[in-house]
């Protein structure tokens, strides 16, 4: 059901060539005070970034990973001697997780976005948030597997997995198969995360005609799926799959997505409408259900704009998309989730920390894996490395679950099994880690 998107292969092939270093800005004077000019020359670049967690005051300046020097003078923030947006009454500037953060005298935190003049409201990124235990280890599957629901439950228990992601639309064949899975999972006490796999295209393959048309379609499919699954204990729904990475919605598949201008302004309302519709449809049936919206690569340009009601052209005041769970896909070609490049390469930032502070809801990595061309042994080592990193963040980064892609891909490109037989190195790496690291 879920194909790897065309840009994944492109990223794998181009990982060493298309990815650029993050740009540092100097810019014009911007009305900088003499004190600010003296403390940070517009043309000066430092060799190394400040230590993570550096704050002003007491530090005299902060150097970011692009070599730009930040100073705080009389409550105003300067970068390389130029003012950064309309900042005033700033009491603290923080370098943390690869981002510059500021706190106003009233206590509100802001994060400096990819476009350096933007300061977006958020929480204090240093506050640890532990996820609720019990569903951390997850895996993906498909509704059309030949495995019986009982066999899926048995496999997951053998792997120490407690959660499973599967997708469906309101198509009766798909939905009935997922209902049977939900029944088996409810009896077994496992968590089923259901992807509502509605896109931005209509039945003819054309982009839907308007935001209202997209909203109504999303609301209909969301309500239908929730109506079918609510009786069987399903409480988490992912509303759309990689919608920011469709031909209709992204300008360039090799863009990291860290700028809202990376996305298609014309079709943005269609995507926003179908997302809002799916959430509202689910909530109309299950008001307490948790709805997630999905992003890829470093798509904070998209997630921020949707959250705040902005368009790729920079205009504001549009409908906001507000979700209960942030979901993300993190394949190896996209970079390290905890140091993901704003341009796909580096220098990077800690994405889970950003999401924790910016949206204030749990994060689920609903797909992760190495590339399809990697060897069995390479994939096994990658699994061990990534699980260790994810596991280490579960008590601090509000990281609720990480869901390996996929249980069975029919071959050894992604699957951890083929026709019920484990693919040795990936399977052994996964189960070795889960058996020695409890989900507590």
Protein backbone atom coordinates (compact mmCIF):
# COMPACT_ATOMS: atom_id res chain seq x y z
CA UNK A 1 0.00 0.00 0.00
CA UNK A 2 2.66 2.51 1.00
CA UNK A 3 5.33 2.99 -1.63
CA UNK A 4 8.59 4.73 -0.78
CA UNK A 5 8.26 8.16 -2.27
CA UNK A 6 10.16 9.13 -5.37
CA UNK A 7 12.25 11.66 -3.50
CA UNK A 8 13.67 9.04 -1.13
CA UNK A 9 15.65 7.43 -3.90
CA UNK A 10 16.68 10.85 -5.12
CA UNK A 11 17.95 11.82 -1.71
CA UNK A 12 19.92 8.60 -1.41
CA UNK A 13 21.57 9.15 -4.78
CA UNK A 14 22.22 12.83 -4.26
CA UNK A 15 23.14 12.82 -0.59
CA UNK A 16 26.70 13.76 -1.36
CA UNK A 17 26.04 16.30 -4.08
CA UNK A 18 22.86 18.38 -3.85
CA UNK A 19 23.06 19.16 -0.16
CA UNK A 20 24.47 22.57 0.59
CA UNK A 21 25.90 24.05 3.73
CA UNK A 22 23.53 26.20 5.75
CA UNK A 23 23.85 29.87 4.91
CA UNK A 24 24.87 32.44 7.45
CA UNK A 25 23.59 35.97 6.98
CA UNK A 26 25.35 39.24 7.47
CA UNK A 27 23.16 41.80 5.80
CA UNK A 28 22.95 45.54 6.17
CA UNK A 29 23.49 47.64 9.26
CA UNK A 30 19.79 47.53 10.15
CA UNK A 31 20.11 50.39 12.60
CA UNK A 32 22.48 48.54 14.91
CA UNK A 33 23.72 50.51 17.88
CA UNK A 34 27.42 51.37 18.20
CA UNK A 35 27.65 48.93 21.11
CA UNK A 36 26.25 46.12 19.00
CA UNK A 37 28.57 46.95 16.11
CA UNK A 38 31.54 46.86 18.40
CA UNK A 39 30.58 43.51 19.92
CA UNK A 40 29.91 41.71 16.63
CA UNK A 41 31.24 42.80 13.27
CA UNK A 42 28.82 42.13 10.36
CA UNK A 43 31.61 40.44 8.43
CA UNK A 44 33.17 38.42 11.26
CA UNK A 45 32.68 34.66 11.29
CA UNK A 46 33.74 32.48 14.20
CA UNK A 47 35.39 29.11 13.65
CA UNK A 48 33.33 27.06 16.12
CA UNK A 49 29.83 27.17 17.52
CA UNK A 50 29.22 28.00 21.16
CA UNK A 51 28.58 25.13 23.54
CA UNK A 52 25.05 23.79 23.53
CA UNK A 53 23.06 25.56 26.26
CA UNK A 54 25.03 28.82 26.13
CA UNK A 55 22.90 31.78 27.27
CA UNK A 56 23.15 35.56 27.15
CA UNK A 57 23.52 36.86 29.73
CA UNK A 58 25.95 35.74 31.15
CA UNK A 59 27.79 35.02 27.88
CA UNK A 60 28.79 38.14 25.99
CA UNK A 61 27.87 36.57 22.65
CA UNK A 62 26.71 33.32 21.05
CA UNK A 63 28.16 31.78 17.90
CA UNK A 64 25.82 29.53 15.95
CA UNK A 65 26.84 26.57 13.79
CA UNK A 66 26.97 28.74 10.67
CA UNK A 67 29.54 30.98 12.33
CA UNK A 68 27.18 33.91 12.88
CA UNK A 69 27.69 35.88 16.07
CA UNK A 70 24.65 36.87 18.13
CA UNK A 71 24.62 39.59 20.77
CA UNK A 72 22.03 41.08 23.11
CA UNK A 73 22.17 44.83 23.72
CA UNK A 74 19.51 46.70 25.74
CA UNK A 75 16.93 43.97 25.12
CA UNK A 76 17.49 43.87 21.35
CA UNK A 77 19.02 40.90 19.49
CA UNK A 78 21.72 41.40 16.86
CA UNK A 79 23.26 38.91 14.44
CA UNK A 80 26.65 39.98 13.08
CA UNK A 81 25.81 43.51 14.15
CA UNK A 82 22.40 43.73 12.45
CA UNK A 83 19.03 43.54 14.17
CA UNK A 84 17.12 40.30 13.70
CA UNK A 85 13.47 41.06 13.17
CA UNK A 86 11.45 43.32 15.43
CA UNK A 87 12.87 42.12 18.75
CA UNK A 88 12.76 44.11 21.94
CA UNK A 89 12.40 43.52 25.69
CA UNK A 90 14.45 40.31 25.36
CA UNK A 91 15.74 39.04 28.69
CA UNK A 92 17.61 35.91 27.53
CA UNK A 93 19.05 34.46 24.32
CA UNK A 94 19.78 30.73 24.21
CA UNK A 95 21.76 28.48 21.86
CA UNK A 96 20.21 25.02 22.21
CA UNK A 97 19.68 22.04 19.93
CA UNK A 98 21.12 23.88 16.94
CA UNK A 99 18.69 26.81 17.18
CA UNK A 100 18.65 30.33 18.61
CA UNK A 101 15.89 30.90 21.16
CA UNK A 102 14.84 34.07 22.97
CA UNK A 103 12.80 34.79 26.10
CA UNK A 104 10.92 38.03 26.53
CA UNK A 105 10.71 39.89 29.82
CA UNK A 106 7.20 38.48 30.20
CA UNK A 107 8.53 34.91 30.10
CA UNK A 108 7.38 33.88 26.59
CA UNK A 109 9.95 31.94 24.54
CA UNK A 110 10.47 32.34 20.80
CA UNK A 111 12.57 30.37 18.31
CA UNK A 112 14.39 31.90 15.38
CA UNK A 113 13.03 30.24 12.24
CA UNK A 114 14.91 29.39 9.04
CA UNK A 115 14.04 32.83 7.75
CA UNK A 116 16.11 34.72 10.30
CA UNK A 117 13.68 37.60 10.70
CA UNK A 118 10.94 35.31 12.02
CA UNK A 119 10.54 34.65 15.74
CA UNK A 120 7.92 31.99 16.40
CA UNK A 121 6.31 31.45 19.84
CA UNK A 122 7.25 28.26 21.67
CA UNK A 123 8.07 26.80 25.07
CA UNK A 124 11.43 26.56 26.81
CA UNK A 125 13.29 23.87 24.81
CA UNK A 126 15.38 22.86 27.83
CA UNK A 127 12.42 21.41 29.73
CA UNK A 128 12.49 17.62 29.56
CA UNK A 129 9.22 15.92 28.65
CA UNK A 130 8.98 12.15 29.07
CA UNK A 131 6.58 10.22 26.87
CA UNK A 132 4.03 7.83 28.33
CA UNK A 133 5.58 4.33 28.31
CA UNK A 134 3.95 1.31 26.75
CA UNK A 135 4.01 1.90 22.98
CA UNK A 136 7.59 2.96 22.25
CA UNK A 137 8.63 0.07 20.01
CA UNK A 138 6.52 -0.01 16.87
CA UNK A 139 6.53 -1.31 13.34
CA UNK A 140 4.63 -0.68 10.10
CA UNK A 141 2.47 -3.10 8.17
CA UNK A 142 -0.15 -3.16 5.42
CA UNK A 143 -3.85 -4.00 5.40
CA UNK A 144 -3.41 -6.49 2.53
CA UNK A 145 -0.84 -8.78 4.15
CA UNK A 146 -1.53 -12.50 3.93
CA UNK A 147 -0.70 -12.74 7.66
CA UNK A 148 -3.76 -13.25 9.83
CA UNK A 149 -4.37 -10.63 12.54
CA UNK A 150 -3.48 -13.25 15.14
CA UNK A 151 -0.18 -13.95 13.36
CA UNK A 152 0.66 -10.24 13.31
CA UNK A 153 0.03 -10.07 17.06
CA UNK A 154 2.26 -13.09 17.60
CA UNK A 155 5.09 -11.62 15.49
CA UNK A 156 4.92 -8.29 17.30
CA UNK A 157 5.04 -9.93 20.71
CA UNK A 158 8.04 -11.96 19.61
CA UNK A 159 9.78 -8.70 18.68
CA UNK A 160 8.74 -6.95 21.93
CA UNK A 161 6.75 -4.44 19.86
CA UNK A 162 3.75 -2.82 21.47
CA UNK A 163 2.47 -0.69 18.59
CA UNK A 164 1.70 -1.18 14.91
CA UNK A 165 0.89 1.30 12.12
CA UNK A 166 -1.40 0.37 9.26
CA UNK A 167 -3.23 2.50 6.71
CA UNK A 168 -6.68 2.52 5.17
CA UNK A 169 -9.17 4.76 3.43
CA UNK A 170 -12.95 4.42 3.61
CA UNK A 171 -12.77 1.69 0.97
CA UNK A 172 -14.69 -1.25 2.54
CA UNK A 173 -12.04 -3.83 1.62
CA UNK A 174 -9.28 -1.85 3.31
CA UNK A 175 -11.36 -0.83 6.29
CA UNK A 176 -12.72 -4.30 7.00
CA UNK A 177 -9.19 -5.70 7.04
CA UNK A 178 -8.10 -3.04 9.54
CA UNK A 179 -11.17 -3.67 11.70
CA UNK A 180 -10.09 -7.30 12.06
CA UNK A 181 -6.62 -6.16 13.06
CA UNK A 182 -8.13 -3.76 15.61
CA UNK A 183 -10.18 -6.55 17.15
CA UNK A 184 -7.09 -8.74 17.56
CA UNK A 185 -5.02 -5.87 18.93
CA UNK A 186 -7.68 -4.90 21.44
CA UNK A 187 -7.75 -8.45 22.79
CA UNK A 188 -3.94 -8.55 22.96
CA UNK A 189 -3.58 -5.13 24.64
CA UNK A 190 -1.47 -3.69 21.81
CA UNK A 191 -1.68 -0.21 20.30
CA UNK A 192 -2.90 0.16 16.73
CA UNK A 193 -2.10 3.48 15.05
CA UNK A 194 -4.27 3.89 11.96
CA UNK A 195 -3.12 6.01 9.05
CA UNK A 196 -6.07 7.60 7.27
CA UNK A 197 -4.57 7.46 3.80
CA UNK A 198 -6.44 10.29 2.12
CA UNK A 199 -4.50 12.54 -0.23
CA UNK A 200 -4.98 15.80 -2.10
CA UNK A 201 -6.20 14.17 -5.32
CA UNK A 202 -9.75 13.30 -6.34
CA UNK A 203 -10.93 10.00 -7.83
CA UNK A 204 -9.76 11.05 -11.30
CA UNK A 205 -6.25 11.81 -10.09
CA UNK A 206 -6.61 15.58 -10.30
CA UNK A 207 -5.89 17.93 -7.40
CA UNK A 208 -9.16 18.62 -5.62
CA UNK A 209 -10.95 21.74 -6.76
CA UNK A 210 -10.97 23.83 -3.57
CA UNK A 211 -10.13 23.89 0.11
CA UNK A 212 -13.77 23.29 0.99
CA UNK A 213 -13.98 20.29 -1.34
CA UNK A 214 -10.81 18.87 0.23
CA UNK A 215 -12.10 19.56 3.73
CA UNK A 216 -15.40 17.80 3.06
CA UNK A 217 -13.65 14.76 1.58
CA UNK A 218 -11.25 14.61 4.51
CA UNK A 219 -14.05 14.95 7.05
CA UNK A 220 -16.05 12.18 5.37
CA UNK A 221 -13.21 9.66 5.28
CA UNK A 222 -12.07 10.58 8.80
CA UNK A 223 -15.53 10.04 10.25
CA UNK A 224 -16.01 6.77 8.36
CA UNK A 225 -12.70 5.31 9.53
CA UNK A 226 -13.23 6.39 13.14
CA UNK A 227 -16.79 5.05 13.18
CA UNK A 228 -15.53 1.64 12.09
CA UNK A 229 -12.59 1.46 14.49
CA UNK A 230 -13.67 3.29 17.64
CA UNK A 231 -15.53 0.23 19.03
CA UNK A 232 -12.27 -1.74 18.95
CA UNK A 233 -10.07 0.54 21.00
CA UNK A 234 -8.32 2.56 18.29
CA UNK A 235 -7.56 6.01 19.68
CA UNK A 236 -4.66 7.27 17.50
CA UNK A 237 -5.11 8.32 13.88
CA UNK A 238 -2.51 9.75 11.53
CA UNK A 239 -4.33 12.12 9.17
CA UNK A 240 -2.54 11.76 5.86
CA UNK A 241 0.71 10.25 4.69
CA UNK A 242 3.56 12.45 3.42
CA UNK A 243 1.10 15.05 2.14
CA UNK A 244 3.83 17.70 2.11
CA UNK A 245 5.80 15.49 -0.29
CA UNK A 246 3.37 15.04 -3.17
CA UNK A 247 3.91 16.34 -6.71
CA UNK A 248 1.17 18.86 -5.99
CA UNK A 249 2.53 20.16 -2.70
CA UNK A 250 6.33 20.40 -2.79
CA UNK A 251 8.20 22.65 -5.22
CA UNK A 252 11.40 20.58 -5.30
CA UNK A 253 11.66 17.06 -3.89
CA UNK A 254 15.31 17.63 -2.96
CA UNK A 255 14.47 20.66 -0.79
CA UNK A 256 14.74 20.02 2.94
CA UNK A 257 11.39 21.65 3.69
CA UNK A 258 12.77 23.95 6.36
CA UNK A 259 11.39 27.01 4.53
CA UNK A 260 7.71 27.43 3.78
CA UNK A 261 8.71 28.65 0.32
CA UNK A 262 9.75 25.04 -0.40
CA UNK A 263 6.05 24.26 -0.86
CA UNK A 264 3.43 24.90 -3.52
CA UNK A 265 1.42 28.00 -2.68
CA UNK A 266 -1.45 27.26 -5.09
CA UNK A 267 -2.19 23.78 -3.75
CA UNK A 268 -1.41 24.55 -0.11
CA UNK A 269 -5.09 25.24 0.75
CA UNK A 270 -6.06 21.83 -0.66
CA UNK A 271 -3.57 20.07 1.60
CA UNK A 272 -4.59 22.20 4.57
CA UNK A 273 -8.26 21.51 3.89
CA UNK A 274 -7.95 17.74 3.71
CA UNK A 275 -5.84 17.71 6.88
CA UNK A 276 -8.35 19.80 8.81
CA UNK A 277 -11.19 17.70 7.44
CA UNK A 278 -9.68 14.40 8.56
CA UNK A 279 -9.03 15.73 12.06
CA UNK A 280 -12.56 17.13 12.36
CA UNK A 281 -14.06 13.94 10.96
CA UNK A 282 -12.31 11.77 13.53
CA UNK A 283 -13.18 14.17 16.36
CA UNK A 284 -16.85 14.20 15.33
CA UNK A 285 -16.93 10.50 16.20
CA UNK A 286 -14.26 10.27 18.91
CA UNK A 287 -13.75 13.61 20.59
CA UNK A 288 -10.98 12.17 22.79
CA UNK A 289 -9.06 10.52 19.93
CA UNK A 290 -5.54 11.74 19.17
CA UNK A 291 -4.90 12.94 15.61
CA UNK A 292 -1.46 13.27 14.08
CA UNK A 293 -0.20 15.18 11.05
CA UNK A 294 2.78 13.78 9.18
CA UNK A 295 5.97 15.44 7.90
CA UNK A 296 9.26 14.33 6.30
CA UNK A 297 12.92 15.33 5.99
CA UNK A 298 13.23 18.72 7.78
CA UNK A 299 9.71 19.98 6.96
CA UNK A 300 9.43 22.52 9.78
CA UNK A 301 8.68 25.15 7.14
CA UNK A 302 5.47 23.26 6.43
CA UNK A 303 4.63 22.31 10.01
CA UNK A 304 5.14 25.84 11.31
CA UNK A 305 3.07 27.42 8.55
CA UNK A 306 0.20 24.95 9.00
CA UNK A 307 0.26 25.39 12.78
CA UNK A 308 0.19 29.20 12.49
CA UNK A 309 -2.18 29.55 9.51
CA UNK A 310 0.35 30.84 6.99
CA UNK A 311 0.78 30.29 3.25
CA UNK A 312 4.04 29.63 1.37
CA UNK A 313 3.76 33.18 -0.03
CA UNK A 314 4.16 34.50 3.53
CA UNK A 315 0.58 35.63 4.03
CA UNK A 316 -1.13 34.90 7.35
CA UNK A 317 -4.60 34.74 8.81
CA UNK A 318 -5.52 31.45 7.14
CA UNK A 319 -7.11 28.44 8.90
CA UNK A 320 -4.76 26.78 11.37
CA UNK A 321 -4.11 23.05 11.47
CA UNK A 322 -3.68 21.91 15.05
CA UNK A 323 -2.80 18.31 15.80
CA UNK A 324 -2.50 16.20 18.97
CA UNK A 325 0.61 14.31 17.86
CA UNK A 326 3.39 15.40 15.52
CA UNK A 327 4.42 12.49 13.29
CA UNK A 328 7.59 12.37 11.23
CA UNK A 329 9.37 10.12 8.75
CA UNK A 330 13.12 9.82 9.19
CA UNK A 331 14.97 7.68 6.67
CA UNK A 332 18.75 7.60 6.71
CA UNK A 333 19.02 9.79 3.61
CA UNK A 334 17.17 12.58 5.41
CA UNK A 335 19.84 12.84 8.11
CA UNK A 336 20.04 12.27 11.85
CA UNK A 337 16.73 13.24 13.48
CA UNK A 338 18.62 14.86 16.35
CA UNK A 339 20.93 16.84 14.06
CA UNK A 340 18.98 17.19 10.84
CA UNK A 341 20.22 19.71 8.32
CA UNK A 342 18.07 22.71 7.52
CA UNK A 343 19.16 22.22 3.93
CA UNK A 344 19.25 18.43 4.12
CA UNK A 345 22.91 18.36 5.13
CA UNK A 346 24.34 20.53 7.88
CA UNK A 347 24.82 22.24 10.18
CA UNK A 348 21.73 20.73 11.69
CA UNK A 349 19.26 21.04 14.54
CA UNK A 350 17.55 18.74 17.01
CA UNK A 351 14.15 18.15 15.39
CA UNK A 352 12.42 16.45 18.37
CA UNK A 353 13.52 19.29 20.66
CA UNK A 354 12.16 21.81 18.16
CA UNK A 355 8.81 20.00 17.89
CA UNK A 356 8.55 19.56 21.66
CA UNK A 357 9.01 23.27 22.28
CA UNK A 358 7.15 24.57 19.24
CA UNK A 359 3.96 22.47 19.27
CA UNK A 360 3.80 21.10 22.80
CA UNK A 361 2.51 17.67 21.76
CA UNK A 362 4.14 14.20 21.60
CA UNK A 363 6.23 13.14 18.60
CA UNK A 364 5.94 9.75 16.90
CA UNK A 365 8.45 8.69 14.24
CA UNK A 366 5.99 6.71 12.13
CA UNK A 367 8.55 5.53 9.56
CA UNK A 368 12.31 5.05 9.80
CA UNK A 369 14.88 2.83 8.12
CA UNK A 370 18.08 2.87 6.10
CA UNK A 371 17.99 3.03 2.30
CA UNK A 372 16.59 0.16 0.23
CA UNK A 373 19.97 -0.60 -1.33
CA UNK A 374 21.78 -1.34 1.94
CA UNK A 375 23.00 -4.79 2.89
CA UNK A 376 21.50 -6.93 5.61
CA UNK A 377 24.46 -6.38 7.93
CA UNK A 378 24.45 -2.63 7.32
CA UNK A 379 20.75 -2.47 8.13
CA UNK A 380 21.28 -4.43 11.33
CA UNK A 381 23.95 -1.98 12.50
CA UNK A 382 21.76 0.95 11.53
CA UNK A 383 18.84 -0.43 13.53
CA UNK A 384 21.00 -0.83 16.63
CA UNK A 385 22.38 2.69 16.31
CA UNK A 386 19.02 4.37 15.70
CA UNK A 387 17.18 2.49 18.43
CA UNK A 388 19.85 3.53 20.91
CA UNK A 389 19.47 7.19 19.90
CA UNK A 390 15.68 7.06 19.98
CA UNK A 391 15.60 5.20 23.27
CA UNK A 392 17.94 7.70 24.88
CA UNK A 393 15.55 10.53 23.96
CA UNK A 394 12.31 9.01 25.19
CA UNK A 395 12.59 10.57 28.66
CA UNK A 396 13.53 14.06 27.46
CA UNK A 397 12.18 14.76 23.96
CA UNK A 398 8.49 13.78 24.26
CA UNK A 399 9.22 10.95 21.80
CA UNK A 400 6.25 8.62 22.22
CA UNK A 401 6.97 5.89 19.67
CA UNK A 402 9.34 4.92 16.85
CA UNK A 403 7.86 2.69 14.16
CA UNK A 404 10.22 0.75 11.91
CA UNK A 405 9.30 0.52 8.23
CA UNK A 406 8.34 -2.25 7.53
CA UNK A 407 7.34 -5.69 8.81
CA UNK A 408 7.35 -7.35 5.37
CA UNK A 409 8.13 -5.63 2.07
CA UNK A 410 8.12 -8.89 0.11
CA UNK A 411 11.91 -8.65 -0.26
CA UNK A 412 14.93 -7.49 1.72
CA UNK A 413 14.77 -3.81 0.72
CA UNK A 414 12.95 -2.71 3.89
CA UNK A 415 11.21 -5.68 5.48
CA UNK A 416 12.37 -7.29 8.67
CA UNK A 417 10.64 -10.50 7.54
CA UNK A 418 9.84 -12.19 4.26
CA UNK A 419 6.77 -14.43 4.28
CA UNK A 420 7.04 -14.96 8.02
CA UNK A 421 10.76 -15.75 8.03
CA UNK A 422 13.02 -13.23 9.78
CA UNK A 423 15.69 -11.42 7.78
CA UNK A 424 18.46 -12.37 10.17
CA UNK A 425 20.64 -9.30 10.76
CA UNK A 426 17.86 -6.67 10.96
CA UNK A 427 15.56 -8.94 12.96
CA UNK A 428 18.28 -9.96 15.41
CA UNK A 429 19.42 -6.37 15.90
CA UNK A 430 15.88 -5.20 16.55
CA UNK A 431 14.92 -7.96 18.97
CA UNK A 432 18.26 -7.86 20.76
CA UNK A 433 17.75 -4.18 21.52
CA UNK A 434 14.10 -4.43 22.54
CA UNK A 435 14.72 -7.41 24.79
CA UNK A 436 17.46 -5.58 26.71
CA UNK A 437 15.87 -2.11 26.88
CA UNK A 438 12.47 -2.12 28.53
CA UNK A 439 9.74 0.26 27.40
CA UNK A 440 9.34 1.91 30.79
